[in-house]
């Protein structure tokens, strides 16, 4: 247990890295949330694994890694629905 606690103390526990795959399909956004990671390195490692899989390998340039700070609102406005 002590090793786990020491590892946690050394981590940035306020930031996560989100890996998305998003591209345009017939005029509509096609997005997939791949995962949420504790470091940008782990997010890049996941992208490297996904890029070899069917579908993803046809769109290798469409991976996005976003940084999010925990306990913070990331959408601060309302929204409008278009039909």
PDB file of N, CA and C in Angstrom:
ATOM      1  N   UNK A   1       0.817  -1.197   0.000  1.00  0.00           N
ATOM      2  CA  UNK A   1       0.000   0.000   0.000  1.00  0.00           C
ATOM      3  C   UNK A   1       0.864   1.265   0.000  1.00  0.00           C
ATOM      4  N   UNK A   2       1.996   1.216   0.697  1.00  0.00           N
ATOM      5  CA  UNK A   2       2.864   2.382   0.764  1.00  0.00           C
ATOM      6  C   UNK A   2       3.383   2.753  -0.621  1.00  0.00           C
ATOM      7  N   UNK A   3       3.714   1.768  -1.454  1.00  0.00           N
ATOM      8  CA  UNK A   3       4.213   2.056  -2.798  1.00  0.00           C
ATOM      9  C   UNK A   3       3.147   2.759  -3.628  1.00  0.00           C
ATOM     10  N   UNK A   4       1.891   2.320  -3.487  1.00  0.00           N
ATOM     11  CA  UNK A   4       0.792   2.962  -4.219  1.00  0.00           C
ATOM     12  C   UNK A   4       0.640   4.402  -3.771  1.00  0.00           C
ATOM     13  N   UNK A   5       0.660   4.638  -2.462  1.00  0.00           N
ATOM     14  CA  UNK A   5       0.526   5.996  -1.934  1.00  0.00           C
ATOM     15  C   UNK A   5       1.674   6.881  -2.400  1.00  0.00           C
ATOM     16  N   UNK A   6       2.898   6.351  -2.428  1.00  0.00           N
ATOM     17  CA  UNK A   6       4.040   7.125  -2.894  1.00  0.00           C
ATOM     18  C   UNK A   6       3.889   7.466  -4.373  1.00  0.00           C
ATOM     19  N   UNK A   7       3.382   6.517  -5.160  1.00  0.00           N
ATOM     20  CA  UNK A   7       3.156   6.774  -6.584  1.00  0.00           C
ATOM     21  C   UNK A   7       2.111   7.841  -6.801  1.00  0.00           C
ATOM     22  N   UNK A   8       1.053   7.820  -6.007  1.00  0.00           N
ATOM     23  CA  UNK A   8      -0.004   8.813  -6.136  1.00  0.00           C
ATOM     24  C   UNK A   8       0.518  10.192  -5.764  1.00  0.00           C
ATOM     25  N   UNK A   9       1.327  10.282  -4.746  1.00  0.00           N
ATOM     26  CA  UNK A   9       1.880  11.574  -4.332  1.00  0.00           C
ATOM     27  C   UNK A   9       2.707  12.205  -5.440  1.00  0.00           C
ATOM     28  N   UNK A  10       3.357  11.398  -6.265  1.00  0.00           N
ATOM     29  CA  UNK A  10       4.186  11.925  -7.331  1.00  0.00           C
ATOM     30  C   UNK A  10       3.420  12.290  -8.588  1.00  0.00           C
ATOM     31  N   UNK A  11       2.125  11.965  -8.650  1.00  0.00           N
ATOM     32  CA  UNK A  11       1.317  12.221  -9.835  1.00  0.00           C
ATOM     33  C   UNK A  11       0.617  13.564  -9.751  1.00  0.00           C
ATOM     34  N   UNK A  12       0.336  14.146 -10.892  1.00  0.00           N
ATOM     35  CA  UNK A  12      -0.517  15.326 -10.964  1.00  0.00           C
ATOM     36  C   UNK A  12      -1.947  14.814 -10.955  1.00  0.00           C
ATOM     37  N   UNK A  13      -2.631  14.971  -9.841  1.00  0.00           N
ATOM     38  CA  UNK A  13      -3.986  14.428  -9.719  1.00  0.00           C
ATOM     39  C   UNK A  13      -5.046  15.464 -10.059  1.00  0.00           C
ATOM     40  N   UNK A  14      -4.641  16.580 -10.640  1.00  0.00           N
ATOM     41  CA  UNK A  14      -5.612  17.603 -11.004  1.00  0.00           C
ATOM     42  C   UNK A  14      -5.861  17.675 -12.506  1.00  0.00           C
ATOM     43  N   UNK A  15      -5.101  16.913 -13.284  1.00  0.00           N
ATOM     44  CA  UNK A  15      -5.198  16.977 -14.739  1.00  0.00           C
ATOM     45  C   UNK A  15      -5.377  15.581 -15.316  1.00  0.00           C
ATOM     46  N   UNK A  16      -6.251  15.477 -16.322  1.00  0.00           N
ATOM     47  CA  UNK A  16      -6.377  14.237 -17.085  1.00  0.00           C
ATOM     48  C   UNK A  16      -6.231  14.574 -18.561  1.00  0.00           C
ATOM     49  N   UNK A  17      -5.923  13.560 -19.334  1.00  0.00           N
ATOM     50  CA  UNK A  17      -5.738  13.696 -20.771  1.00  0.00           C
ATOM     51  C   UNK A  17      -6.757  12.808 -21.457  1.00  0.00           C
ATOM     52  N   UNK A  18      -7.557  13.391 -22.351  1.00  0.00           N
ATOM     53  CA  UNK A  18      -8.655  12.683 -23.011  1.00  0.00           C
ATOM     54  C   UNK A  18      -8.281  12.455 -24.477  1.00  0.00           C
ATOM     55  N   UNK A  19      -8.363  11.196 -24.895  1.00  0.00           N
ATOM     56  CA  UNK A  19      -8.058  10.821 -26.276  1.00  0.00           C
ATOM     57  C   UNK A  19      -9.355  10.618 -27.036  1.00  0.00           C
ATOM     58  N   UNK A  20      -9.513  11.383 -28.113  1.00  0.00           N
ATOM     59  CA  UNK A  20     -10.669  11.314 -28.998  1.00  0.00           C
ATOM     60  C   UNK A  20     -10.221  10.906 -30.396  1.00  0.00           C
ATOM     61  N   UNK A  21     -11.144  10.339 -31.130  1.00  0.00           N
ATOM     62  CA  UNK A  21     -10.952  10.171 -32.568  1.00  0.00           C
ATOM     63  C   UNK A  21     -12.166  10.811 -33.215  1.00  0.00           C
ATOM     64  N   UNK A  22     -11.956  11.810 -34.055  1.00  0.00           N
ATOM     65  CA  UNK A  22     -13.071  12.579 -34.609  1.00  0.00           C
ATOM     66  C   UNK A  22     -12.789  12.936 -36.059  1.00  0.00           C
ATOM     67  N   UNK A  23     -13.763  12.657 -36.925  1.00  0.00           N
ATOM     68  CA  UNK A  23     -13.626  13.018 -38.331  1.00  0.00           C
ATOM     69  C   UNK A  23     -14.994  13.260 -38.939  1.00  0.00           C
ATOM     70  N   UNK A  24     -15.023  13.838 -40.118  1.00  0.00           N
ATOM     71  CA  UNK A  24     -16.257  14.157 -40.828  1.00  0.00           C
ATOM     72  C   UNK A  24     -16.702  12.953 -41.652  1.00  0.00           C
ATOM     73  N   UNK A  25     -17.955  12.535 -41.477  1.00  0.00           N
ATOM     74  CA  UNK A  25     -18.521  11.426 -42.237  1.00  0.00           C
ATOM     75  C   UNK A  25     -19.810  11.910 -42.890  1.00  0.00           C
ATOM     76  N   UNK A  26     -19.753  12.128 -44.184  1.00  0.00           N
ATOM     77  CA  UNK A  26     -20.913  12.602 -44.938  1.00  0.00           C
ATOM     78  C   UNK A  26     -21.509  13.869 -44.336  1.00  0.00           C
ATOM     79  N   UNK A  27     -20.641  14.808 -43.952  1.00  0.00           N
ATOM     80  CA  UNK A  27     -21.099  16.080 -43.425  1.00  0.00           C
ATOM     81  C   UNK A  27     -21.447  16.088 -41.947  1.00  0.00           C
ATOM     82  N   UNK A  28     -21.292  14.966 -41.287  1.00  0.00           N
ATOM     83  CA  UNK A  28     -21.580  14.897 -39.852  1.00  0.00           C
ATOM     84  C   UNK A  28     -20.330  14.485 -39.094  1.00  0.00           C
ATOM     85  N   UNK A  29     -20.209  15.036 -37.883  1.00  0.00           N
ATOM     86  CA  UNK A  29     -19.058  14.713 -37.046  1.00  0.00           C
ATOM     87  C   UNK A  29     -19.214  13.310 -36.473  1.00  0.00           C
ATOM     88  N   UNK A  30     -18.210  12.495 -36.664  1.00  0.00           N
ATOM     89  CA  UNK A  30     -18.163  11.129 -36.122  1.00  0.00           C
ATOM     90  C   UNK A  30     -17.055  11.103 -35.074  1.00  0.00           C
ATOM     91  N   UNK A  31     -17.445  11.086 -33.809  1.00  0.00           N
ATOM     92  CA  UNK A  31     -16.467  11.165 -32.718  1.00  0.00           C
ATOM     93  C   UNK A  31     -16.567   9.959 -31.803  1.00  0.00           C
ATOM     94  N   UNK A  32     -15.414   9.521 -31.339  1.00  0.00           N
ATOM     95  CA  UNK A  32     -15.335   8.406 -30.391  1.00  0.00           C
ATOM     96  C   UNK A  32     -14.415   8.811 -29.251  1.00  0.00           C
ATOM     97  N   UNK A  33     -14.895   8.645 -28.031  1.00  0.00           N
ATOM     98  CA  UNK A  33     -14.050   8.842 -26.858  1.00  0.00           C
ATOM     99  C   UNK A  33     -13.281   7.547 -26.660  1.00  0.00           C
ATOM    100  N   UNK A  34     -11.973   7.597 -26.806  1.00  0.00           N
ATOM    101  CA  UNK A  34     -11.130   6.408 -26.677  1.00  0.00           C
ATOM    102  C   UNK A  34     -10.826   6.126 -25.221  1.00  0.00           C
ATOM    103  N   UNK A  35     -10.431   7.162 -24.465  1.00  0.00           N
ATOM    104  CA  UNK A  35     -10.110   6.944 -23.062  1.00  0.00           C
ATOM    105  C   UNK A  35      -9.661   8.211 -22.371  1.00  0.00           C
ATOM    106  N   UNK A  36      -9.548   8.096 -21.049  1.00  0.00           N
ATOM    107  CA  UNK A  36      -9.107   9.192 -20.191  1.00  0.00           C
ATOM    108  C   UNK A  36      -7.875   8.697 -19.440  1.00  0.00           C
ATOM    109  N   UNK A  37      -6.794   9.478 -19.479  1.00  0.00           N
ATOM    110  CA  UNK A  37      -5.497   9.017 -18.983  1.00  0.00           C
ATOM    111  C   UNK A  37      -4.891  10.009 -18.002  1.00  0.00           C
ATOM    112  N   UNK A  38      -4.047   9.503 -17.150  1.00  0.00           N
ATOM    113  CA  UNK A  38      -3.420  10.326 -16.116  1.00  0.00           C
ATOM    114  C   UNK A  38      -2.184  11.077 -16.609  1.00  0.00           C
ATOM    115  N   UNK A  39      -1.721  10.786 -17.815  1.00  0.00           N
ATOM    116  CA  UNK A  39      -0.578  11.516 -18.370  1.00  0.00           C
ATOM    117  C   UNK A  39      -0.715  11.584 -19.882  1.00  0.00           C
ATOM    118  N   UNK A  40      -0.075  12.579 -20.466  1.00  0.00           N
ATOM    119  CA  UNK A  40      -0.091  12.700 -21.921  1.00  0.00           C
ATOM    120  C   UNK A  40       0.653  11.524 -22.554  1.00  0.00           C
ATOM    121  N   UNK A  41       1.655  10.990 -21.872  1.00  0.00           N
ATOM    122  CA  UNK A  41       2.382   9.826 -22.386  1.00  0.00           C
ATOM    123  C   UNK A  41       1.452   8.630 -22.522  1.00  0.00           C
ATOM    124  N   UNK A  42       0.626   8.381 -21.508  1.00  0.00           N
ATOM    125  CA  UNK A  42      -0.313   7.254 -21.582  1.00  0.00           C
ATOM    126  C   UNK A  42      -1.350   7.468 -22.686  1.00  0.00           C
ATOM    127  N   UNK A  43      -1.777   8.708 -22.890  1.00  0.00           N
ATOM    128  CA  UNK A  43      -2.721   9.008 -23.971  1.00  0.00           C
ATOM    129  C   UNK A  43      -2.063   8.767 -25.331  1.00  0.00           C
ATOM    130  N   UNK A  44      -0.821   9.181 -25.480  1.00  0.00           N
ATOM    131  CA  UNK A  44      -0.087   8.923 -26.737  1.00  0.00           C
ATOM    132  C   UNK A  44       0.142   7.435 -26.957  1.00  0.00           C
ATOM    133  N   UNK A  45       0.426   6.703 -25.892  1.00  0.00           N
ATOM    134  CA  UNK A  45       0.600   5.249 -26.003  1.00  0.00           C
ATOM    135  C   UNK A  45      -0.697   4.596 -26.487  1.00  0.00           C
ATOM    136  N   UNK A  46      -1.828   5.055 -25.966  1.00  0.00           N
ATOM    137  CA  UNK A  46      -3.128   4.515 -26.389  1.00  0.00           C
ATOM    138  C   UNK A  46      -3.381   4.834 -27.863  1.00  0.00           C
ATOM    139  N   UNK A  47      -3.072   6.062 -28.279  1.00  0.00           N
ATOM    140  CA  UNK A  47      -3.225   6.418 -29.690  1.00  0.00           C
ATOM    141  C   UNK A  47      -2.377   5.504 -30.566  1.00  0.00           C
ATOM    142  N   UNK A  48      -1.166   5.226 -30.136  1.00  0.00           N
ATOM    143  CA  UNK A  48      -0.284   4.351 -30.909  1.00  0.00           C
ATOM    144  C   UNK A  48      -0.870   2.940 -31.038  1.00  0.00           C
ATOM    145  N   UNK A  49      -1.567   2.471 -30.008  1.00  0.00           N
ATOM    146  CA  UNK A  49      -2.217   1.151 -30.094  1.00  0.00           C
ATOM    147  C   UNK A  49      -3.430   1.200 -31.026  1.00  0.00           C
ATOM    148  N   UNK A  50      -4.218   2.264 -30.941  1.00  0.00           N
ATOM    149  CA  UNK A  50      -5.463   2.367 -31.716  1.00  0.00           C
ATOM    150  C   UNK A  50      -5.199   2.573 -33.204  1.00  0.00           C
ATOM    151  N   UNK A  51      -4.118   3.261 -33.530  1.00  0.00           N
ATOM    152  CA  UNK A  51      -3.850   3.661 -34.911  1.00  0.00           C
ATOM    153  C   UNK A  51      -3.671   2.461 -35.843  1.00  0.00           C
ATOM    154  N   UNK A  52      -3.405   1.287 -35.273  1.00  0.00           N
ATOM    155  CA  UNK A  52      -3.234   0.074 -36.077  1.00  0.00           C
ATOM    156  C   UNK A  52      -4.551  -0.669 -36.328  1.00  0.00           C
ATOM    157  N   UNK A  53      -5.624  -0.269 -35.655  1.00  0.00           N
ATOM    158  CA  UNK A  53      -6.892  -0.992 -35.745  1.00  0.00           C
ATOM    159  C   UNK A  53      -7.720  -0.539 -36.938  1.00  0.00           C
ATOM    160  N   UNK A  54      -8.572  -1.448 -37.475  1.00  0.00           N
ATOM    161  CA  UNK A  54      -9.433  -1.090 -38.604  1.00  0.00           C
ATOM    162  C   UNK A  54     -10.275   0.147 -38.285  1.00  0.00           C
ATOM    163  N   UNK A  55     -10.451   0.978 -39.294  1.00  0.00           N
ATOM    164  CA  UNK A  55     -11.194   2.221 -39.116  1.00  0.00           C
ATOM    165  C   UNK A  55     -10.272   3.344 -38.687  1.00  0.00           C
ATOM    166  N   UNK A  56      -9.581   3.142 -37.583  1.00  0.00           N
ATOM    167  CA  UNK A  56      -8.646   4.164 -37.108  1.00  0.00           C
ATOM    168  C   UNK A  56      -7.467   4.316 -38.056  1.00  0.00           C
ATOM    169  N   UNK A  57      -6.992   3.206 -38.599  1.00  0.00           N
ATOM    170  CA  UNK A  57      -5.816   3.296 -39.483  1.00  0.00           C
ATOM    171  C   UNK A  57      -6.145   4.018 -40.790  1.00  0.00           C
ATOM    172  N   UNK A  58      -7.437   4.062 -41.172  1.00  0.00           N
ATOM    173  CA  UNK A  58      -7.825   4.812 -42.369  1.00  0.00           C
ATOM    174  C   UNK A  58      -7.921   6.315 -42.082  1.00  0.00           C
ATOM    175  N   UNK A  59      -7.917   6.684 -40.810  1.00  0.00           N
ATOM    176  CA  UNK A  59      -8.011   8.095 -40.409  1.00  0.00           C
ATOM    177  C   UNK A  59      -6.987   8.389 -39.312  1.00  0.00           C
ATOM    178  N   UNK A  60      -5.705   8.148 -39.564  1.00  0.00           N
ATOM    179  CA  UNK A  60      -4.704   8.284 -38.503  1.00  0.00           C
ATOM    180  C   UNK A  60      -4.478   9.725 -38.037  1.00  0.00           C
ATOM    181  N   UNK A  61      -4.814  10.694 -38.876  1.00  0.00           N
ATOM    182  CA  UNK A  61      -4.588  12.095 -38.536  1.00  0.00           C
ATOM    183  C   UNK A  61      -5.702  12.675 -37.668  1.00  0.00           C
ATOM    184  N   UNK A  62      -6.730  11.892 -37.383  1.00  0.00           N
ATOM    185  CA  UNK A  62      -7.913  12.426 -36.712  1.00  0.00           C
ATOM    186  C   UNK A  62      -7.983  12.136 -35.213  1.00  0.00           C
ATOM    187  N   UNK A  63      -6.861  11.787 -34.620  1.00  0.00           N
ATOM    188  CA  UNK A  63      -6.793  11.621 -33.167  1.00  0.00           C
ATOM    189  C   UNK A  63      -6.528  12.985 -32.531  1.00  0.00           C
ATOM    190  N   UNK A  64      -7.169  13.225 -31.400  1.00  0.00           N
ATOM    191  CA  UNK A  64      -6.994  14.473 -30.660  1.00  0.00           C
ATOM    192  C   UNK A  64      -6.804  14.129 -29.192  1.00  0.00           C
ATOM    193  N   UNK A  65      -5.826  14.758 -28.570  1.00  0.00           N
ATOM    194  CA  UNK A  65      -5.620  14.607 -27.129  1.00  0.00           C
ATOM    195  C   UNK A  65      -5.858  15.967 -26.491  1.00  0.00           C
ATOM    196  N   UNK A  66      -6.834  16.013 -25.581  1.00  0.00           N
ATOM    197  CA  UNK A  66      -7.174  17.248 -24.878  1.00  0.00           C
ATOM    198  C   UNK A  66      -6.799  17.128 -23.411  1.00  0.00           C
ATOM    199  N   UNK A  67      -6.350  18.235 -22.847  1.00  0.00           N
ATOM    200  CA  UNK A  67      -6.012  18.313 -21.420  1.00  0.00           C
ATOM    201  C   UNK A  67      -7.212  18.899 -20.673  1.00  0.00           C
ATOM    202  N   UNK A  68      -7.610  18.253 -19.589  1.00  0.00           N
ATOM    203  CA  UNK A  68      -8.698  18.747 -18.753  1.00  0.00           C
ATOM    204  C   UNK A  68      -8.240  18.831 -17.304  1.00  0.00           C
ATOM    205  N   UNK A  69      -8.572  19.939 -16.670  1.00  0.00           N
ATOM    206  CA  UNK A  69      -8.325  20.103 -15.241  1.00  0.00           C
ATOM    207  C   UNK A  69      -9.568  19.601 -14.521  1.00  0.00           C
ATOM    208  N   UNK A  70      -9.372  18.772 -13.502  1.00  0.00           N
ATOM    209  CA  UNK A  70     -10.484  18.213 -12.753  1.00  0.00           C
ATOM    210  C   UNK A  70     -11.167  19.282 -11.893  1.00  0.00           C
ATOM    211  N   UNK A  71     -12.421  19.024 -11.585  1.00  0.00           N
ATOM    212  CA  UNK A  71     -13.224  19.881 -10.703  1.00  0.00           C
ATOM    213  C   UNK A  71     -13.390  21.293 -11.256  1.00  0.00           C
ATOM    214  N   UNK A  72     -13.467  21.381 -12.576  1.00  0.00           N
ATOM    215  CA  UNK A  72     -13.620  22.663 -13.248  1.00  0.00           C
ATOM    216  C   UNK A  72     -14.654  22.496 -14.350  1.00  0.00           C
ATOM    217  N   UNK A  73     -15.543  23.481 -14.517  1.00  0.00           N
ATOM    218  CA  UNK A  73     -16.507  23.440 -15.614  1.00  0.00           C
ATOM    219  C   UNK A  73     -15.764  23.706 -16.918  1.00  0.00           C
ATOM    220  N   UNK A  74     -16.000  22.865 -17.914  1.00  0.00           N
ATOM    221  CA  UNK A  74     -15.344  23.050 -19.210  1.00  0.00           C
ATOM    222  C   UNK A  74     -16.323  23.523 -20.270  1.00  0.00           C
ATOM    223  N   UNK A  75     -17.607  23.486 -19.952  1.00  0.00           N
ATOM    224  CA  UNK A  75     -18.634  24.047 -20.830  1.00  0.00           C
ATOM    225  C   UNK A  75     -19.314  25.118 -20.010  1.00  0.00           C
ATOM    226  N   UNK A  76     -19.175  26.362 -20.414  1.00  0.00           N
ATOM    227  CA  UNK A  76     -19.662  27.476 -19.597  1.00  0.00           C
ATOM    228  C   UNK A  76     -20.791  28.251 -20.256  1.00  0.00           C
ATOM    229  N   UNK A  77     -21.342  27.721 -21.326  1.00  0.00           N
ATOM    230  CA  UNK A  77     -22.410  28.412 -22.049  1.00  0.00           C
ATOM    231  C   UNK A  77     -23.569  27.449 -22.252  1.00  0.00           C
ATOM    232  N   UNK A  78     -24.709  27.972 -22.637  1.00  0.00           N
ATOM    233  CA  UNK A  78     -25.847  27.132 -23.002  1.00  0.00           C
ATOM    234  C   UNK A  78     -25.603  26.530 -24.382  1.00  0.00           C
ATOM    235  N   UNK A  79     -26.654  25.980 -24.980  1.00  0.00           N
ATOM    236  CA  UNK A  79     -26.524  25.431 -26.330  1.00  0.00           C
ATOM    237  C   UNK A  79     -27.817  25.576 -27.091  1.00  0.00           C
ATOM    238  N   UNK A  80     -27.739  25.470 -28.392  1.00  0.00           N
ATOM    239  CA  UNK A  80     -28.882  25.545 -29.295  1.00  0.00           C
ATOM    240  C   UNK A  80     -28.889  24.277 -30.112  1.00  0.00           C
ATOM    241  N   UNK A  81     -30.063  23.691 -30.294  1.00  0.00           N
ATOM    242  CA  UNK A  81     -30.203  22.494 -31.117  1.00  0.00           C
ATOM    243  C   UNK A  81     -30.645  22.882 -32.516  1.00  0.00           C
ATOM    244  N   UNK A  82     -29.918  22.403 -33.521  1.00  0.00           N
ATOM    245  CA  UNK A  82     -30.265  22.638 -34.913  1.00  0.00           C
ATOM    246  C   UNK A  82     -30.898  21.384 -35.475  1.00  0.00           C
ATOM    247  N   UNK A  83     -31.953  21.543 -36.207  1.00  0.00           N
ATOM    248  CA  UNK A  83     -32.639  20.376 -36.813  1.00  0.00           C
ATOM    249  C   UNK A  83     -32.532  20.426 -38.308  1.00  0.00           C
TER     250      UNK A  83
END
